[in-house]
Each structure stands twice: as structure tokens, then as C-alpha cells.
Amino acid sequence: MRGYLKEIEDLTAYNDAALDPGTPYGDPWQLIYVFDGDKSTNVVCEGYAKAFQYLMDQSSFSGKIESYIVTGTMGGGTGEGPHMWNIVSIDGQNYLVDVTNSDTGTIGAPDKLFLVGNPTIKDGTQYFLDGESTTPMMGTPHRLTRRICFR
């Protein structure tokens, strides 16, 4: 799975222009942009999460491994507000996969927010802990509002 993270990072970059005030959101081609070979078609979190999900859906693993796209809000990272990321379940244990915030130059680079396990849930917010710490990882709680399954 770490190979998927590296490949997505190599193929695309974050679309910083999408954060400009007044920029409308709603681009159904996010997944395609990651794999189109065009360095000018960058993505936001939706593209990163959908690209990771696509690669997971095309893969076979030993053991029980499932991946989901989730949406919600995030405090910090690429910015507070709406966000899309993945949760990978490995033999019943859930792990955060935030490819967006694991990309070069972000708060979780290179992989501090990739396969981070054992979430603590308080008031609907998932706090993924760093090792045995009781402090939310990187100060970026992810508030889950829905899970999207593409199966």
C-alpha cells in the first residue's frame, strides 16, 4: 500500500488554485487527473482519496483487507474544512490513510498520516493517535460524516 502512496504522489500534486476564494468546486474528473500523465491537471483531496481507492479495488491481498472513502471535516493539515480520505480495515482494525496530507510538503509528509491506526472516537471525531500518545496525531482530527463504498 505504501507503493500506492508513492505512485499517487509522483503522478499528481495538490491543486492550490482550488483554494482561491470564489473558485467553484465540482470537478468529476479528479480520479482521471491522477492517472492522465498531464502534470497540469492537479487534484484536491477527492482525487487523492479516489485514486487510492481505485488502486485498492484493483488489488488482491492475503487476509481481510477493505478500503473505504470517507468524507467529513478536518482540523488543520491542508486547511480546516471539508475533506476526503480513506480508512483501511485490516483484519478488523481500522487505519487512517490521508494521501493528501501525506504528500510532499504537507503536515503528514512523508507518511505520518498513512496507515495510522487505532482511532479514538469522541463526539463523532476520529483522533488517530501517534504510537502510545494520547494527543491527537499532528493536531488534525478528522470528523467523519459519511462513508462511501465503491464495490
C-alpha atoms as a PDB file:
ATOM      1  CA  MET A   1       0.000   0.000   0.000  1.00  0.00           C
ATOM      2  CA  ARG A   2       2.911   2.359   0.590  1.00  0.00           C
ATOM      3  CA  GLY A   3       3.733   1.913  -3.081  1.00  0.00           C
ATOM      4  CA  TYR A   4       0.282   3.313  -3.909  1.00  0.00           C
ATOM      5  CA  LEU A   5       1.011   6.379  -1.789  1.00  0.00           C
ATOM      6  CA  LYS A   6       4.312   6.993  -3.562  1.00  0.00           C
ATOM      7  CA  GLU A   7       2.834   6.455  -7.024  1.00  0.00           C
ATOM      8  CA  ILE A   8      -0.043   8.876  -6.410  1.00  0.00           C
ATOM      9  CA  GLU A   9       2.398  11.467  -5.049  1.00  0.00           C
ATOM     10  CA  ASP A  10       4.603  11.029  -8.126  1.00  0.00           C
ATOM     11  CA  LEU A  11       1.688  11.310 -10.555  1.00  0.00           C
ATOM     12  CA  THR A  12      -0.051  14.421  -9.214  1.00  0.00           C
ATOM     13  CA  ALA A  13       0.169  17.421  -6.930  1.00  0.00           C
ATOM     14  CA  TYR A  14      -2.313  19.396  -4.868  1.00  0.00           C
ATOM     15  CA  ASN A  15      -4.367  21.928  -6.812  1.00  0.00           C
ATOM     16  CA  ASP A  16      -3.622  25.010  -4.686  1.00  0.00           C
ATOM     17  CA  ALA A  17      -5.640  27.218  -7.060  1.00  0.00           C
ATOM     18  CA  ALA A  18      -8.777  25.387  -5.929  1.00  0.00           C
ATOM     19  CA  LEU A  19      -8.390  27.097  -2.546  1.00  0.00           C
ATOM     20  CA  ASP A  20      -8.670  30.599  -4.012  1.00  0.00           C
ATOM     21  CA  PRO A  21     -11.770  32.443  -2.771  1.00  0.00           C
ATOM     22  CA  GLY A  22     -14.628  32.255  -5.244  1.00  0.00           C
ATOM     23  CA  THR A  23     -13.283  29.176  -7.021  1.00  0.00           C
ATOM     24  CA  PRO A  24     -16.253  26.884  -7.631  1.00  0.00           C
ATOM     25  CA  TYR A  25     -15.860  23.264  -6.656  1.00  0.00           C
ATOM     26  CA  GLY A  26     -17.268  20.365  -8.539  1.00  0.00           C
ATOM     27  CA  ASP A  27     -14.903  18.530 -10.849  1.00  0.00           C
ATOM     28  CA  PRO A  28     -15.934  14.950 -11.638  1.00  0.00           C
ATOM     29  CA  TRP A  29     -12.584  14.201 -13.303  1.00  0.00           C
ATOM     30  CA  GLN A  30     -10.466  14.129 -10.123  1.00  0.00           C
ATOM     31  CA  LEU A  31      -9.710  10.409 -10.385  1.00  0.00           C
ATOM     32  CA  ILE A  32      -8.784  10.661 -14.078  1.00  0.00           C
ATOM     33  CA  TYR A  33      -6.424  13.605 -13.446  1.00  0.00           C
ATOM     34  CA  VAL A  34      -4.225  11.500 -11.173  1.00  0.00           C
ATOM     35  CA  PHE A  35      -3.538   8.955 -13.916  1.00  0.00           C
ATOM     36  CA  ASP A  36      -3.712  11.119 -17.080  1.00  0.00           C
ATOM     37  CA  GLY A  37       0.047  11.820 -17.307  1.00  0.00           C
ATOM     38  CA  ASP A  38      -0.594  15.576 -17.529  1.00  0.00           C
ATOM     39  CA  LYS A  39       1.296  17.480 -14.801  1.00  0.00           C
ATOM     40  CA  SER A  40      -1.044  20.466 -15.241  1.00  0.00           C
ATOM     41  CA  THR A  41      -4.137  18.565 -14.065  1.00  0.00           C
ATOM     42  CA  ASN A  42      -3.687  18.550 -10.302  1.00  0.00           C
ATOM     43  CA  VAL A  43      -6.250  17.459  -7.739  1.00  0.00           C
ATOM     44  CA  VAL A  44      -7.679  18.181  -4.315  1.00  0.00           C
ATOM     45  CA  CYS A  45      -8.341  15.624  -1.589  1.00  0.00           C
ATOM     46  CA  GLU A  46     -11.096  13.969  -3.625  1.00  0.00           C
ATOM     47  CA  GLY A  47      -8.613  12.973  -6.332  1.00  0.00           C
ATOM     48  CA  TYR A  48      -6.076  11.605  -3.866  1.00  0.00           C
ATOM     49  CA  ALA A  49      -8.690   9.559  -1.974  1.00  0.00           C
ATOM     50  CA  LYS A  50     -10.384   8.219  -5.104  1.00  0.00           C
ATOM     51  CA  ALA A  51      -7.045   7.280  -6.701  1.00  0.00           C
ATOM     52  CA  PHE A  52      -6.033   5.333  -3.595  1.00  0.00           C
ATOM     53  CA  GLN A  53      -9.438   3.634  -3.502  1.00  0.00           C
ATOM     54  CA  TYR A  54      -9.179   2.729  -7.187  1.00  0.00           C
ATOM     55  CA  LEU A  55      -5.803   1.069  -6.637  1.00  0.00           C
ATOM     56  CA  MET A  56      -7.095  -0.795  -3.587  1.00  0.00           C
ATOM     57  CA  ASP A  57     -10.147  -2.004  -5.509  1.00  0.00           C
ATOM     58  CA  GLN A  58      -7.863  -3.413  -8.225  1.00  0.00           C
ATOM     59  CA  SER A  59      -5.716  -5.316  -5.719  1.00  0.00           C
ATOM     60  CA  SER A  60      -5.803  -8.692  -4.012  1.00  0.00           C
ATOM     61  CA  PHE A  61      -4.328  -9.103  -0.555  1.00  0.00           C
ATOM     62  CA  SER A  62      -3.953 -12.027   1.792  1.00  0.00           C
ATOM     63  CA  GLY A  63      -6.137 -11.648   4.858  1.00  0.00           C
ATOM     64  CA  LYS A  64      -9.207  -9.487   5.232  1.00  0.00           C
ATOM     65  CA  ILE A  65      -8.375  -6.002   3.920  1.00  0.00           C
ATOM     66  CA  GLU A  66     -11.017  -3.469   2.919  1.00  0.00           C
ATOM     67  CA  SER A  67     -10.711   0.186   1.973  1.00  0.00           C
ATOM     68  CA  TYR A  68     -13.323   2.909   2.135  1.00  0.00           C
ATOM     69  CA  ILE A  69     -13.566   6.533   1.078  1.00  0.00           C
ATOM     70  CA  VAL A  70     -14.875   8.794   3.800  1.00  0.00           C
ATOM     71  CA  THR A  71     -15.843  12.440   3.834  1.00  0.00           C
ATOM     72  CA  GLY A  72     -16.090  14.892   6.658  1.00  0.00           C
ATOM     73  CA  THR A  73     -14.246  17.844   8.087  1.00  0.00           C
ATOM     74  CA  MET A  74     -10.654  18.135   9.150  1.00  0.00           C
ATOM     75  CA  GLY A  75      -8.991  20.483  11.598  1.00  0.00           C
ATOM     76  CA  GLY A  76      -5.620  21.541  10.147  1.00  0.00           C
ATOM     77  CA  GLY A  77      -3.474  19.875   7.506  1.00  0.00           C
ATOM     78  CA  THR A  78      -4.175  21.332   4.066  1.00  0.00           C
ATOM     79  CA  GLY A  79      -6.700  23.578   5.767  1.00  0.00           C
ATOM     80  CA  GLU A  80      -9.663  23.318   8.079  1.00  0.00           C
ATOM     81  CA  GLY A  81     -12.860  22.332   6.392  1.00  0.00           C
ATOM     82  CA  PRO A  82     -14.365  19.669   4.142  1.00  0.00           C
ATOM     83  CA  HIS A  83     -12.046  16.772   3.403  1.00  0.00           C
ATOM     84  CA  MET A  84     -11.993  13.308   1.814  1.00  0.00           C
ATOM     85  CA  TRP A  85      -9.697  10.492   2.896  1.00  0.00           C
ATOM     86  CA  ASN A  86      -9.635   6.701   3.238  1.00  0.00           C
ATOM     87  CA  ILE A  87      -9.953   4.182   6.011  1.00  0.00           C
ATOM     88  CA  VAL A  88      -8.334   0.795   5.522  1.00  0.00           C
ATOM     89  CA  SER A  89      -9.565  -2.090   7.635  1.00  0.00           C
ATOM     90  CA  ILE A  90      -7.005  -4.864   8.121  1.00  0.00           C
ATOM     91  CA  ASP A  91      -8.300  -7.916   9.940  1.00  0.00           C
ATOM     92  CA  GLY A  92     -10.886  -5.772  11.738  1.00  0.00           C
ATOM     93  CA  GLN A  93      -8.543  -2.952  12.768  1.00  0.00           C
ATOM     94  CA  ASN A  94      -9.110   0.459  11.159  1.00  0.00           C
ATOM     95  CA  TYR A  95      -6.316   2.684   9.888  1.00  0.00           C
ATOM     96  CA  LEU A  96      -6.380   6.260   8.614  1.00  0.00           C
ATOM     97  CA  VAL A  97      -4.998   6.820   5.117  1.00  0.00           C
ATOM     98  CA  ASP A  98      -4.802  10.518   4.267  1.00  0.00           C
ATOM     99  CA  VAL A  99      -2.865  10.568   0.995  1.00  0.00           C
ATOM    100  CA  THR A 100      -3.474  14.315   0.559  1.00  0.00           C
ATOM    101  CA  ASN A 101      -1.786  15.217   3.835  1.00  0.00           C
ATOM    102  CA  SER A 102       0.986  12.666   3.301  1.00  0.00           C
ATOM    103  CA  ASP A 103       2.149  14.313   0.070  1.00  0.00           C
ATOM    104  CA  THR A 104       5.445  16.209  -0.100  1.00  0.00           C
ATOM    105  CA  GLY A 105       5.384  19.492   1.793  1.00  0.00           C
ATOM    106  CA  THR A 106       2.264  18.714   3.827  1.00  0.00           C
ATOM    107  CA  ILE A 107       1.836  18.300   7.570  1.00  0.00           C
ATOM    108  CA  GLY A 108       1.866  14.493   7.406  1.00  0.00           C
ATOM    109  CA  ALA A 109       4.720  14.010   4.931  1.00  0.00           C
ATOM    110  CA  PRO A 110       6.127  11.593   4.191  1.00  0.00           C
ATOM    111  CA  ASP A 111       3.769   9.079   5.829  1.00  0.00           C
ATOM    112  CA  LYS A 112       2.725  10.313   9.275  1.00  0.00           C
ATOM    113  CA  LEU A 113      -0.940  10.171   8.242  1.00  0.00           C
ATOM    114  CA  PHE A 114      -0.664   6.933   6.268  1.00  0.00           C
ATOM    115  CA  LEU A 115      -1.905   3.697   7.856  1.00  0.00           C
ATOM    116  CA  VAL A 116      -2.141   5.360  11.255  1.00  0.00           C
ATOM    117  CA  GLY A 117      -4.103   3.051  13.491  1.00  0.00           C
ATOM    118  CA  ASN A 118      -6.330   2.664  16.465  1.00  0.00           C
ATOM    119  CA  PRO A 119      -8.629   5.664  16.230  1.00  0.00           C
ATOM    120  CA  THR A 120     -10.183   7.090  19.338  1.00  0.00           C
ATOM    121  CA  ILE A 121     -13.662   8.404  18.671  1.00  0.00           C
ATOM    122  CA  LYS A 122     -15.068  11.219  20.782  1.00  0.00           C
ATOM    123  CA  ASP A 123     -18.194  13.135  19.796  1.00  0.00           C
ATOM    124  CA  GLY A 124     -18.054  11.691  16.272  1.00  0.00           C
ATOM    125  CA  THR A 125     -14.464  12.841  15.713  1.00  0.00           C
ATOM    126  CA  GLN A 126     -11.772  10.295  14.931  1.00  0.00           C
ATOM    127  CA  TYR A 127      -8.476  11.075  16.641  1.00  0.00           C
ATOM    128  CA  PHE A 128      -5.716   8.880  15.264  1.00  0.00           C
ATOM    129  CA  LEU A 129      -3.010   8.540  17.844  1.00  0.00           C
ATOM    130  CA  ASP A 130       0.707   8.542  17.236  1.00  0.00           C
ATOM    131  CA  GLY A 131       2.019   5.382  18.879  1.00  0.00           C
ATOM    132  CA  GLU A 132       1.064   5.324  22.541  1.00  0.00           C
ATOM    133  CA  SER A 133       0.421   9.056  22.782  1.00  0.00           C
ATOM    134  CA  THR A 134      -2.947  10.304  23.973  1.00  0.00           C
ATOM    135  CA  THR A 135      -2.652  13.500  21.923  1.00  0.00           C
ATOM    136  CA  PRO A 136      -4.380  13.652  18.531  1.00  0.00           C
ATOM    137  CA  MET A 137      -1.883  12.886  15.764  1.00  0.00           C
ATOM    138  CA  MET A 138      -0.457  16.023  14.178  1.00  0.00           C
ATOM    139  CA  GLY A 139      -3.319  18.076  15.621  1.00  0.00           C
ATOM    140  CA  THR A 140      -5.503  17.017  12.671  1.00  0.00           C
ATOM    141  CA  PRO A 141      -8.668  15.382  13.888  1.00  0.00           C
ATOM    142  CA  HIS A 142     -10.821  14.000  11.079  1.00  0.00           C
ATOM    143  CA  ARG A 143     -14.566  14.290  11.721  1.00  0.00           C
ATOM    144  CA  LEU A 144     -16.338  11.522   9.847  1.00  0.00           C
ATOM    145  CA  THR A 145     -19.701  12.413   8.337  1.00  0.00           C
ATOM    146  CA  ARG A 146     -20.194   9.528   5.907  1.00  0.00           C
ATOM    147  CA  ARG A 147     -18.522   6.526   4.378  1.00  0.00           C
ATOM    148  CA  ILE A 148     -18.710   5.971   0.645  1.00  0.00           C
ATOM    149  CA  CYS A 149     -18.255   2.429  -0.664  1.00  0.00           C
ATOM    150  CA  PHE A 150     -17.325   1.727  -4.263  1.00  0.00           C
ATOM    151  CA  ARG A 151     -17.695  -2.025  -4.632  1.00  0.00           C
END
